[in-house]
């Protein structure tokens, strides 16, 4: 699935799934714009891609800011002349009991996880329409867009919004040759997951809901993004694909190996 000379913009690309997507796009020959608010990690990630032979730049971006997103798109076009694919991946998690959740924390999660996807997708789509040769948008959703955990109110609501936004975007942009899909990962080995991996009870709960019996690798999610960005998925739009180890199909818990 060669992506040679296509230009990719990834938000939240300093680590985790966003970084894995940037790395895999570069491996396939793409030119990658990494963006994040963690400049130290973002610059380091960009340098690693370059050292591996990839073509990449880094642009500081707060995904919840319309001005900074517009700057990201403008600077990306300035650097590479076009945009072929954008991955609005920036996101945060806030765990809190529903009765204790304060509006400031709810708004913060929604502003990054949902508003950020809207802003990034819209700005990129406007550029793609102006270019006149279509493109792809790959939103980052979650199994929690459909499933629910009591202490993830703002996160689950934001990801549910992303999945619905994906459908709307796909229908609104189809006449412009722009395909819009989403990825809904299950339990993936990100920094957030590793932080709780030492808690045997928490990991037992996670794996009891995962038929494959293991957490996914960030690269396994990124390869789905490569597929959705390629011509191999040319008849797919408005969909959310779930790399989740079987979790969405599960209606009970499974035995877990200690």
Protein backbone atom coordinates (compact mmCIF):
# COMPACT_ATOMS: atom_id res chain seq x y z
CA UNK A 1 0.00 0.00 0.00
CA UNK A 2 2.46 2.63 -1.18
CA UNK A 3 1.68 6.17 -0.12
CA UNK A 4 4.65 7.64 -1.94
CA UNK A 5 4.72 11.43 -2.06
CA UNK A 6 1.32 11.83 -0.38
CA UNK A 7 1.25 14.47 2.36
CA UNK A 8 -0.10 13.54 5.80
CA UNK A 9 -0.97 15.76 8.76
CA UNK A 10 -1.31 14.06 12.16
CA UNK A 11 -2.35 15.81 15.38
CA UNK A 12 -1.33 14.39 18.74
CA UNK A 13 1.66 12.85 16.99
CA UNK A 14 4.32 13.14 19.69
CA UNK A 15 3.56 9.70 21.12
CA UNK A 16 1.21 6.73 21.09
CA UNK A 17 -1.13 6.03 18.20
CA UNK A 18 -0.50 9.39 16.54
CA UNK A 19 3.24 8.78 16.44
CA UNK A 20 2.72 5.24 15.13
CA UNK A 21 0.53 6.60 12.32
CA UNK A 22 3.17 9.18 11.39
CA UNK A 23 5.87 6.52 11.38
CA UNK A 24 3.90 4.12 9.20
CA UNK A 25 2.93 6.83 6.71
CA UNK A 26 6.62 7.68 6.40
CA UNK A 27 7.56 4.02 5.95
CA UNK A 28 5.11 3.87 3.04
CA UNK A 29 6.74 6.87 1.35
CA UNK A 30 4.52 9.64 2.66
CA UNK A 31 5.59 13.13 3.71
CA UNK A 32 4.43 13.70 7.27
CA UNK A 33 3.56 16.75 9.34
CA UNK A 34 3.58 15.90 13.04
CA UNK A 35 1.79 18.26 15.43
CA UNK A 36 1.36 18.32 19.19
CA UNK A 37 1.63 20.58 22.24
CA UNK A 38 4.55 18.55 23.63
CA UNK A 39 7.29 20.17 21.58
CA UNK A 40 10.15 18.19 23.09
CA UNK A 41 8.61 14.81 22.28
CA UNK A 42 7.23 16.05 18.96
CA UNK A 43 10.59 17.31 17.75
CA UNK A 44 12.31 14.11 18.93
CA UNK A 45 9.74 11.95 17.12
CA UNK A 46 10.20 13.96 13.94
CA UNK A 47 13.97 13.58 14.11
CA UNK A 48 13.64 9.82 14.53
CA UNK A 49 11.51 9.61 11.38
CA UNK A 50 14.09 11.66 9.50
CA UNK A 51 16.94 9.47 10.75
CA UNK A 52 15.05 6.45 9.40
CA UNK A 53 14.93 8.07 5.96
CA UNK A 54 11.49 9.63 6.21
CA UNK A 55 10.41 13.13 5.21
CA UNK A 56 8.83 14.88 8.21
CA UNK A 57 8.39 18.25 9.91
CA UNK A 58 6.95 19.27 13.28
CA UNK A 59 4.50 22.12 13.98
CA UNK A 60 3.33 23.05 17.48
CA UNK A 61 -0.47 22.89 17.55
CA UNK A 62 -3.21 23.04 20.17
CA UNK A 63 -5.91 20.98 18.45
CA UNK A 64 -8.70 22.82 20.30
CA UNK A 65 -7.64 26.19 18.86
CA UNK A 66 -9.14 27.22 15.52
CA UNK A 67 -6.30 29.64 14.90
CA UNK A 68 -3.60 27.07 15.57
CA UNK A 69 -5.33 24.45 13.42
CA UNK A 70 -5.60 26.92 10.55
CA UNK A 71 -1.90 27.69 11.01
CA UNK A 72 -1.10 23.96 10.95
CA UNK A 73 -2.86 23.49 7.63
CA UNK A 74 -1.32 26.62 6.12
CA UNK A 75 2.21 25.71 7.24
CA UNK A 76 1.78 22.15 5.98
CA UNK A 77 0.81 23.43 2.52
CA UNK A 78 3.65 25.93 2.64
CA UNK A 79 6.10 23.11 3.34
CA UNK A 80 4.77 20.42 0.99
CA UNK A 81 2.44 22.17 -1.44
CA UNK A 82 -0.67 20.14 -0.64
CA UNK A 83 -2.46 17.89 1.86
CA UNK A 84 -3.68 14.41 0.92
CA UNK A 85 -4.69 13.01 4.31
CA UNK A 86 -5.28 14.32 7.81
CA UNK A 87 -5.55 12.29 11.02
CA UNK A 88 -7.20 14.32 13.83
CA UNK A 89 -5.79 12.13 16.59
CA UNK A 90 -5.15 14.53 19.49
CA UNK A 91 -7.09 13.43 22.55
CA UNK A 92 -7.15 13.29 26.34
CA UNK A 93 -8.76 11.05 28.94
CA UNK A 94 -10.30 12.25 32.20
CA UNK A 95 -11.48 9.59 34.64
CA UNK A 96 -14.05 10.76 37.15
CA UNK A 97 -17.29 9.58 38.74
CA UNK A 98 -20.27 11.09 36.93
CA UNK A 99 -21.57 12.85 40.06
CA UNK A 100 -18.19 14.44 40.71
CA UNK A 101 -17.40 15.56 37.16
CA UNK A 102 -17.06 19.34 36.92
CA UNK A 103 -18.01 21.25 33.80
CA UNK A 104 -14.49 22.61 33.27
CA UNK A 105 -13.09 19.07 32.91
CA UNK A 106 -16.00 17.99 30.72
CA UNK A 107 -15.45 20.98 28.43
CA UNK A 108 -11.67 20.44 28.29
CA UNK A 109 -12.08 16.87 27.04
CA UNK A 110 -14.79 17.82 24.55
CA UNK A 111 -12.75 20.76 23.24
CA UNK A 112 -9.77 18.55 22.40
CA UNK A 113 -11.41 15.25 21.52
CA UNK A 114 -14.44 16.46 19.55
CA UNK A 115 -14.03 20.17 18.75
CA UNK A 116 -10.44 19.39 17.71
CA UNK A 117 -11.59 16.72 15.27
CA UNK A 118 -14.20 19.08 13.82
CA UNK A 119 -11.71 21.94 13.42
CA UNK A 120 -8.93 19.80 11.95
CA UNK A 121 -11.19 17.94 9.56
CA UNK A 122 -12.94 21.10 8.36
CA UNK A 123 -9.73 23.06 7.78
CA UNK A 124 -8.13 20.13 5.95
CA UNK A 125 -11.27 19.52 3.89
CA UNK A 126 -11.39 23.15 2.78
CA UNK A 127 -7.80 22.82 1.58
CA UNK A 128 -8.57 19.53 -0.20
CA UNK A 129 -11.58 21.07 -1.94
CA UNK A 130 -9.42 23.99 -3.08
CA UNK A 131 -6.82 21.56 -4.43
CA UNK A 132 -9.51 19.77 -6.43
CA UNK A 133 -8.21 16.21 -6.26
CA UNK A 134 -9.94 14.80 -3.17
CA UNK A 135 -8.28 13.28 -0.14
CA UNK A 136 -8.87 11.25 2.99
CA UNK A 137 -9.68 12.12 6.59
CA UNK A 138 -9.18 9.52 9.32
CA UNK A 139 -10.73 10.44 12.66
CA UNK A 140 -9.66 8.73 15.86
CA UNK A 141 -12.63 7.32 17.77
CA UNK A 142 -12.68 4.45 20.31
CA UNK A 143 -14.61 1.36 21.36
CA UNK A 144 -15.93 3.75 24.01
CA UNK A 145 -17.89 5.52 21.28
CA UNK A 146 -20.29 2.58 21.57
CA UNK A 147 -19.46 0.93 24.88
CA UNK A 148 -19.62 2.71 28.24
CA UNK A 149 -17.58 2.80 31.44
CA UNK A 150 -19.12 4.77 34.34
CA UNK A 151 -16.08 6.94 35.09
CA UNK A 152 -15.34 7.98 31.47
CA UNK A 153 -18.28 10.31 30.87
CA UNK A 154 -16.54 13.08 28.94
CA UNK A 155 -14.24 10.72 27.02
CA UNK A 156 -16.99 8.32 25.94
CA UNK A 157 -19.33 11.16 24.95
CA UNK A 158 -16.59 12.84 22.92
CA UNK A 159 -15.75 9.63 21.08
CA UNK A 160 -19.41 8.93 20.39
CA UNK A 161 -19.54 12.38 18.86
CA UNK A 162 -16.50 11.60 16.72
CA UNK A 163 -18.17 8.53 15.24
CA UNK A 164 -21.32 10.49 14.36
CA UNK A 165 -19.26 13.41 13.05
CA UNK A 166 -17.41 10.95 10.80
CA UNK A 167 -20.67 9.92 9.13
CA UNK A 168 -21.76 13.52 8.62
CA UNK A 169 -18.38 14.54 7.21
CA UNK A 170 -18.36 11.55 4.85
CA UNK A 171 -21.75 12.47 3.40
CA UNK A 172 -20.97 16.18 3.21
CA UNK A 173 -17.65 15.70 1.43
CA UNK A 174 -18.30 12.73 -0.83
CA UNK A 175 -19.05 14.92 -3.87
CA UNK A 176 -15.60 16.48 -3.47
CA UNK A 177 -13.87 13.08 -3.67
CA UNK A 178 -12.96 13.18 0.02
CA UNK A 179 -13.39 9.95 1.97
CA UNK A 180 -13.89 10.17 5.74
CA UNK A 181 -13.56 7.22 8.09
CA UNK A 182 -12.69 6.62 11.72
CA UNK A 183 -10.69 4.12 13.74
CA UNK A 184 -12.02 2.90 17.09
CA UNK A 185 -9.19 1.23 19.01
CA UNK A 186 -9.72 -1.06 21.96
CA UNK A 187 -7.07 -1.49 24.66
CA UNK A 188 -3.80 -0.37 23.07
CA UNK A 189 -0.30 -0.13 24.55
CA UNK A 190 -0.09 3.64 24.83
CA UNK A 191 1.51 5.61 27.68
CA UNK A 192 -1.91 5.84 29.34
CA UNK A 193 -2.34 2.07 29.28
CA UNK A 194 1.23 1.41 30.45
CA UNK A 195 0.62 3.65 33.45
CA UNK A 196 -1.99 1.21 34.74
CA UNK A 197 -0.37 -1.98 33.43
CA UNK A 198 1.33 -2.59 36.76
CA UNK A 199 -2.08 -2.80 38.46
CA UNK A 200 -2.94 -6.48 38.18
CA UNK A 201 -6.62 -5.98 39.02
CA UNK A 202 -7.12 -3.28 36.37
CA UNK A 203 -5.31 -5.31 33.71
CA UNK A 204 -7.37 -8.39 34.62
CA UNK A 205 -10.56 -6.40 34.00
CA UNK A 206 -9.25 -5.12 30.66
CA UNK A 207 -8.19 -8.53 29.41
CA UNK A 208 -11.39 -10.22 30.59
CA UNK A 209 -13.16 -8.05 28.00
CA UNK A 210 -10.66 -8.80 25.23
CA UNK A 211 -11.07 -12.20 23.51
CA UNK A 212 -7.56 -12.10 22.04
CA UNK A 213 -6.22 -11.89 25.57
CA UNK A 214 -3.70 -9.11 24.97
CA UNK A 215 -3.46 -5.38 24.46
CA UNK A 216 -2.93 -4.16 20.92
CA UNK A 217 0.21 -2.48 19.64
CA UNK A 218 0.06 1.10 18.38
CA UNK A 219 1.40 -0.12 15.03
CA UNK A 220 -1.62 -2.39 14.65
CA UNK A 221 -3.84 0.69 14.77
CA UNK A 222 -1.52 2.63 12.47
CA UNK A 223 -1.68 -0.06 9.79
CA UNK A 224 -5.46 0.41 9.69
CA UNK A 225 -4.80 4.11 9.08
CA UNK A 226 -2.42 3.22 6.23
CA UNK A 227 -5.16 1.08 4.67
CA UNK A 228 -7.78 3.83 5.01
CA UNK A 229 -5.40 6.37 3.49
CA UNK A 230 -4.62 4.16 0.52
CA UNK A 231 -6.49 3.40 -2.68
CA UNK A 232 -7.08 -0.11 -1.34
CA UNK A 233 -9.98 1.38 0.67
CA UNK A 234 -11.32 3.45 -2.23
CA UNK A 235 -14.94 2.29 -1.75
CA UNK A 236 -15.04 2.83 2.03
CA UNK A 237 -16.38 6.03 3.59
CA UNK A 238 -18.43 6.93 6.67
CA UNK A 239 -17.24 3.86 8.57
CA UNK A 240 -15.59 3.27 11.93
CA UNK A 241 -13.19 0.31 11.97
CA UNK A 242 -12.49 -1.24 15.37
CA UNK A 243 -9.06 -2.83 15.95
CA UNK A 244 -10.10 -4.12 19.37
CA UNK A 245 -9.02 -7.74 19.76
CA UNK A 246 -12.65 -8.87 19.49
CA UNK A 247 -14.00 -6.69 22.28
CA UNK A 248 -16.94 -5.20 20.37
CA UNK A 249 -18.24 -8.68 19.58
CA UNK A 250 -18.05 -9.91 23.17
CA UNK A 251 -21.18 -10.40 25.29
CA UNK A 252 -19.50 -11.94 28.35
CA UNK A 253 -16.08 -12.05 29.98
CA UNK A 254 -13.30 -14.46 29.04
CA UNK A 255 -10.77 -16.30 31.25
CA UNK A 256 -7.58 -14.38 31.86
CA UNK A 257 -4.14 -15.93 32.30
CA UNK A 258 -2.33 -14.61 35.36
